[in-house]
Amino acid sequence: MIELDLLLRWLHVIGACVLFGTGAGIAFFMLMAVRSRIPAVIAQVAAWVVIADLIFTTTAVIAQPVTGILLAHELGWDLTEGWLLLSIALYAFTGAFWLPVVWIQLRLRDLARAAAAQDAPLPQAFDRLYRIWVLCGAPAFFAVLAIIWLMLARPDIPLLK
């Protein structure tokens, strides 16, 4: 029989991998599609990105705090430990950037679809939104890297002591 703490650790690590991997994959494929400047390609890739975010990212976003809280409880970790508080704060920070990114991806998809349907170049609104998408995605991406480091290193950070 598998121990509960091992199962929770495994689920939590899988969730972190899904968040990081999906985020990196989405960023890569959107970057490559946008670099093509071909509206039909961008529209299709953006449509897949939206689906990937819905299926993978949303599932992991829900699973991470659930498995994290259960794991902390199972292992007897105090949720006010500095590294945990900082991880939670970075998680909220990441979420604050992720929510607008999802909306922007929908708009980018729609703008590329419209340009493809009219056999027209991408509008200036597309480029403005894409820049915002990159500016929102970069800090969220690095925050996820920091969270993963905090999970592994669990440094002593005296925040509430």
C-alpha atoms as a PDB file:
ATOM      1  CA  MET A   1       0.000   0.000   0.000  1.00  0.00           C
ATOM      2  CA  ILE A   2       1.357   3.424  -0.943  1.00  0.00           C
ATOM      3  CA  GLU A   3       1.833   5.903   1.872  1.00  0.00           C
ATOM      4  CA  LEU A   4      -0.351   9.020   1.769  1.00  0.00           C
ATOM      5  CA  ASP A   5       2.564  11.456   2.026  1.00  0.00           C
ATOM      6  CA  LEU A   6       4.318   9.774  -0.912  1.00  0.00           C
ATOM      7  CA  LEU A   7       1.142   9.899  -3.019  1.00  0.00           C
ATOM      8  CA  LEU A   8       0.598  13.579  -2.159  1.00  0.00           C
ATOM      9  CA  ARG A   9       4.233  14.439  -2.948  1.00  0.00           C
ATOM     10  CA  TRP A  10       3.948  12.639  -6.277  1.00  0.00           C
ATOM     11  CA  LEU A  11       0.690  14.414  -7.183  1.00  0.00           C
ATOM     12  CA  HIS A  12       2.133  17.774  -6.124  1.00  0.00           C
ATOM     13  CA  VAL A  13       5.299  17.281  -8.190  1.00  0.00           C
ATOM     14  CA  ILE A  14       3.272  16.115 -11.205  1.00  0.00           C
ATOM     15  CA  GLY A  15       1.126  19.255 -10.852  1.00  0.00           C
ATOM     16  CA  ALA A  16       4.232  21.438 -10.756  1.00  0.00           C
ATOM     17  CA  CYS A  17       5.587  19.688 -13.852  1.00  0.00           C
ATOM     18  CA  VAL A  18       2.304  20.209 -15.677  1.00  0.00           C
ATOM     19  CA  LEU A  19       2.222  23.920 -14.746  1.00  0.00           C
ATOM     20  CA  PHE A  20       5.806  24.479 -15.785  1.00  0.00           C
ATOM     21  CA  GLY A  21       5.693  22.262 -18.868  1.00  0.00           C
ATOM     22  CA  THR A  22       2.400  23.569 -20.186  1.00  0.00           C
ATOM     23  CA  GLY A  23       3.505  27.161 -19.594  1.00  0.00           C
ATOM     24  CA  ALA A  24       6.820  26.618 -21.368  1.00  0.00           C
ATOM     25  CA  GLY A  25       5.154  24.730 -24.224  1.00  0.00           C
ATOM     26  CA  ILE A  26       2.453  27.333 -24.702  1.00  0.00           C
ATOM     27  CA  ALA A  27       5.037  30.120 -24.698  1.00  0.00           C
ATOM     28  CA  PHE A  28       7.229  28.327 -27.229  1.00  0.00           C
ATOM     29  CA  PHE A  29       4.462  27.449 -29.671  1.00  0.00           C
ATOM     30  CA  MET A  30       2.828  30.884 -29.464  1.00  0.00           C
ATOM     31  CA  LEU A  31       6.199  32.549 -30.018  1.00  0.00           C
ATOM     32  CA  MET A  32       6.909  30.381 -33.059  1.00  0.00           C
ATOM     33  CA  ALA A  33       3.417  30.918 -34.489  1.00  0.00           C
ATOM     34  CA  VAL A  34       3.527  34.690 -34.015  1.00  0.00           C
ATOM     35  CA  ARG A  35       6.995  34.850 -35.545  1.00  0.00           C
ATOM     36  CA  SER A  36       5.546  33.265 -38.683  1.00  0.00           C
ATOM     37  CA  ARG A  37       3.214  36.287 -39.082  1.00  0.00           C
ATOM     38  CA  ILE A  38       0.769  33.928 -40.837  1.00  0.00           C
ATOM     39  CA  PRO A  39      -2.688  34.660 -39.390  1.00  0.00           C
ATOM     40  CA  ALA A  40      -4.102  31.185 -40.115  1.00  0.00           C
ATOM     41  CA  VAL A  41      -1.173  29.499 -38.350  1.00  0.00           C
ATOM     42  CA  ILE A  42      -1.429  31.841 -35.381  1.00  0.00           C
ATOM     43  CA  ALA A  43      -5.193  31.332 -35.157  1.00  0.00           C
ATOM     44  CA  GLN A  44      -4.837  27.538 -35.085  1.00  0.00           C
ATOM     45  CA  VAL A  45      -1.960  27.503 -32.586  1.00  0.00           C
ATOM     46  CA  ALA A  46      -3.731  30.012 -30.348  1.00  0.00           C
ATOM     47  CA  ALA A  47      -6.852  27.829 -30.419  1.00  0.00           C
ATOM     48  CA  TRP A  48      -4.796  24.832 -29.275  1.00  0.00           C
ATOM     49  CA  VAL A  49      -3.080  26.958 -26.621  1.00  0.00           C
ATOM     50  CA  VAL A  50      -6.465  27.941 -25.191  1.00  0.00           C
ATOM     51  CA  ILE A  51      -7.489  24.272 -25.048  1.00  0.00           C
ATOM     52  CA  ALA A  52      -4.184  23.263 -23.420  1.00  0.00           C
ATOM     53  CA  ASP A  53      -4.601  26.001 -20.821  1.00  0.00           C
ATOM     54  CA  LEU A  54      -8.144  24.865 -20.125  1.00  0.00           C
ATOM     55  CA  ILE A  55      -7.299  21.179 -19.775  1.00  0.00           C
ATOM     56  CA  PHE A  56      -3.812  21.140 -18.276  1.00  0.00           C
ATOM     57  CA  THR A  57      -3.119  24.464 -16.615  1.00  0.00           C
ATOM     58  CA  THR A  58      -6.540  24.832 -15.016  1.00  0.00           C
ATOM     59  CA  THR A  59      -6.408  21.293 -13.639  1.00  0.00           C
ATOM     60  CA  ALA A  60      -2.945  21.849 -12.172  1.00  0.00           C
ATOM     61  CA  VAL A  61      -3.896  25.277 -10.814  1.00  0.00           C
ATOM     62  CA  ILE A  62      -6.681  23.608  -8.826  1.00  0.00           C
ATOM     63  CA  ALA A  63      -4.654  20.551  -7.807  1.00  0.00           C
ATOM     64  CA  GLN A  64      -1.573  22.414  -6.551  1.00  0.00           C
ATOM     65  CA  PRO A  65      -3.080  24.153  -3.513  1.00  0.00           C
ATOM     66  CA  VAL A  66      -5.164  21.091  -2.644  1.00  0.00           C
ATOM     67  CA  THR A  67      -2.217  18.687  -2.725  1.00  0.00           C
ATOM     68  CA  GLY A  68       0.074  21.283  -1.141  1.00  0.00           C
ATOM     69  CA  ILE A  69      -2.180  21.905   1.857  1.00  0.00           C
ATOM     70  CA  LEU A  70      -2.873  18.192   2.335  1.00  0.00           C
ATOM     71  CA  LEU A  71       0.841  17.408   2.053  1.00  0.00           C
ATOM     72  CA  ALA A  72       1.812  20.111   4.545  1.00  0.00           C
ATOM     73  CA  HIS A  73      -0.791  18.775   6.967  1.00  0.00           C
ATOM     74  CA  GLU A  74       0.332  15.168   6.462  1.00  0.00           C
ATOM     75  CA  LEU A  75       3.997  16.061   7.051  1.00  0.00           C
ATOM     76  CA  GLY A  76       3.275  18.379   9.970  1.00  0.00           C
ATOM     77  CA  TRP A  77       4.551  21.495   8.229  1.00  0.00           C
ATOM     78  CA  ASP A  78       3.259  24.791   9.548  1.00  0.00           C
ATOM     79  CA  LEU A  79       1.681  26.821   6.723  1.00  0.00           C
ATOM     80  CA  THR A  80       3.237  29.951   8.240  1.00  0.00           C
ATOM     81  CA  GLU A  81       6.785  28.726   7.538  1.00  0.00           C
ATOM     82  CA  GLY A  82       8.564  31.380   5.469  1.00  0.00           C
ATOM     83  CA  TRP A  83       9.250  29.236   2.415  1.00  0.00           C
ATOM     84  CA  LEU A  84       5.621  28.086   2.328  1.00  0.00           C
ATOM     85  CA  LEU A  85       4.250  31.607   2.725  1.00  0.00           C
ATOM     86  CA  LEU A  86       6.553  32.861  -0.003  1.00  0.00           C
ATOM     87  CA  SER A  87       5.491  29.969  -2.258  1.00  0.00           C
ATOM     88  CA  ILE A  88       1.821  30.798  -1.670  1.00  0.00           C
ATOM     89  CA  ALA A  89       2.449  34.486  -2.350  1.00  0.00           C
ATOM     90  CA  LEU A  90       4.284  33.664  -5.584  1.00  0.00           C
ATOM     91  CA  TYR A  91       1.452  31.304  -6.539  1.00  0.00           C
ATOM     92  CA  ALA A  92      -1.079  34.124  -6.110  1.00  0.00           C
ATOM     93  CA  PHE A  93       1.260  36.453  -8.046  1.00  0.00           C
ATOM     94  CA  THR A  94       1.417  33.910 -10.876  1.00  0.00           C
ATOM     95  CA  GLY A  95      -2.359  33.563 -10.911  1.00  0.00           C
ATOM     96  CA  ALA A  96      -2.775  37.335 -11.129  1.00  0.00           C
ATOM     97  CA  PHE A  97      -0.778  37.242 -14.372  1.00  0.00           C
ATOM     98  CA  TRP A  98      -2.262  33.988 -15.702  1.00  0.00           C
ATOM     99  CA  LEU A  99      -5.891  35.138 -15.686  1.00  0.00           C
ATOM    100  CA  PRO A 100      -5.328  38.082 -18.062  1.00  0.00           C
ATOM    101  CA  VAL A 101      -3.105  35.875 -20.230  1.00  0.00           C
ATOM    102  CA  VAL A 102      -6.000  33.472 -20.815  1.00  0.00           C
ATOM    103  CA  TRP A 103      -8.244  36.334 -21.942  1.00  0.00           C
ATOM    104  CA  ILE A 104      -5.446  37.723 -24.142  1.00  0.00           C
ATOM    105  CA  GLN A 105      -4.947  34.313 -25.785  1.00  0.00           C
ATOM    106  CA  LEU A 106      -8.641  34.258 -26.691  1.00  0.00           C
ATOM    107  CA  ARG A 107      -8.377  37.750 -28.202  1.00  0.00           C
ATOM    108  CA  LEU A 108      -5.176  36.886 -30.085  1.00  0.00           C
ATOM    109  CA  ARG A 109      -6.914  33.817 -31.503  1.00  0.00           C
ATOM    110  CA  ASP A 110      -9.935  35.847 -32.571  1.00  0.00           C
ATOM    111  CA  LEU A 111      -7.876  38.640 -34.137  1.00  0.00           C
ATOM    112  CA  ALA A 112      -5.769  36.100 -36.069  1.00  0.00           C
ATOM    113  CA  ARG A 113      -8.921  34.261 -37.206  1.00  0.00           C
ATOM    114  CA  ALA A 114     -10.424  37.512 -38.487  1.00  0.00           C
ATOM    115  CA  ALA A 115      -7.226  38.429 -40.336  1.00  0.00           C
ATOM    116  CA  ALA A 116      -7.017  34.944 -41.864  1.00  0.00           C
ATOM    117  CA  ALA A 117     -10.677  35.057 -42.954  1.00  0.00           C
ATOM    118  CA  GLN A 118     -10.102  38.409 -44.684  1.00  0.00           C
ATOM    119  CA  ASP A 119      -6.704  37.369 -46.063  1.00  0.00           C
ATOM    120  CA  ALA A 120      -5.331  40.453 -44.301  1.00  0.00           C
ATOM    121  CA  PRO A 121      -2.253  41.095 -42.192  1.00  0.00           C
ATOM    122  CA  LEU A 122      -2.495  41.041 -38.429  1.00  0.00           C
ATOM    123  CA  PRO A 123      -3.888  44.283 -37.009  1.00  0.00           C
ATOM    124  CA  GLN A 124      -1.901  46.566 -34.709  1.00  0.00           C
ATOM    125  CA  ALA A 125      -4.189  45.515 -31.843  1.00  0.00           C
ATOM    126  CA  PHE A 126      -2.776  41.996 -32.210  1.00  0.00           C
ATOM    127  CA  ASP A 127       0.801  43.183 -31.748  1.00  0.00           C
ATOM    128  CA  ARG A 128      -0.124  45.319 -28.726  1.00  0.00           C
ATOM    129  CA  LEU A 129      -1.927  42.413 -27.069  1.00  0.00           C
ATOM    130  CA  TYR A 130       0.909  40.027 -27.881  1.00  0.00           C
ATOM    131  CA  ARG A 131       3.409  42.338 -26.162  1.00  0.00           C
ATOM    132  CA  ILE A 132       1.159  42.430 -23.079  1.00  0.00           C
ATOM    133  CA  TRP A 133       0.893  38.621 -23.236  1.00  0.00           C
ATOM    134  CA  VAL A 134       4.705  38.352 -23.166  1.00  0.00           C
ATOM    135  CA  LEU A 135       4.996  40.948 -20.390  1.00  0.00           C
ATOM    136  CA  CYS A 136       2.465  39.031 -18.272  1.00  0.00           C
ATOM    137  CA  GLY A 137       3.887  35.609 -19.050  1.00  0.00           C
ATOM    138  CA  ALA A 138       7.525  36.324 -18.207  1.00  0.00           C
ATOM    139  CA  PRO A 139       7.098  37.205 -14.513  1.00  0.00           C
ATOM    140  CA  ALA A 140       4.636  34.336 -14.030  1.00  0.00           C
ATOM    141  CA  PHE A 141       7.097  31.903 -15.631  1.00  0.00           C
ATOM    142  CA  PHE A 142       9.953  33.003 -13.374  1.00  0.00           C
ATOM    143  CA  ALA A 143       7.681  32.924 -10.327  1.00  0.00           C
ATOM    144  CA  VAL A 144       6.878  29.268 -11.083  1.00  0.00           C
ATOM    145  CA  LEU A 145      10.616  28.542 -11.279  1.00  0.00           C
ATOM    146  CA  ALA A 146      11.062  30.228  -7.889  1.00  0.00           C
ATOM    147  CA  ILE A 147       8.205  28.181  -6.402  1.00  0.00           C
ATOM    148  CA  ILE A 148       9.780  24.952  -7.629  1.00  0.00           C
ATOM    149  CA  TRP A 149      13.096  25.977  -6.075  1.00  0.00           C
ATOM    150  CA  LEU A 150      11.337  26.793  -2.789  1.00  0.00           C
ATOM    151  CA  MET A 151       9.597  23.385  -2.835  1.00  0.00           C
ATOM    152  CA  LEU A 152      12.914  21.605  -3.281  1.00  0.00           C
ATOM    153  CA  ALA A 153      15.184  23.692  -1.055  1.00  0.00           C
ATOM    154  CA  ARG A 154      12.656  24.618   1.678  1.00  0.00           C
ATOM    155  CA  PRO A 155      15.001  27.356   2.952  1.00  0.00           C
ATOM    156  CA  ASP A 156      14.564  28.867   6.375  1.00  0.00           C
ATOM    157  CA  ILE A 157      12.991  32.240   5.625  1.00  0.00           C
ATOM    158  CA  PRO A 158      11.955  34.051   8.818  1.00  0.00           C
ATOM    159  CA  LEU A 159       8.831  35.876   7.647  1.00  0.00           C
ATOM    160  CA  LEU A 160       6.488  35.451  10.608  1.00  0.00           C
ATOM    161  CA  LYS A 161       8.830  34.291  13.341  1.00  0.00           C
END
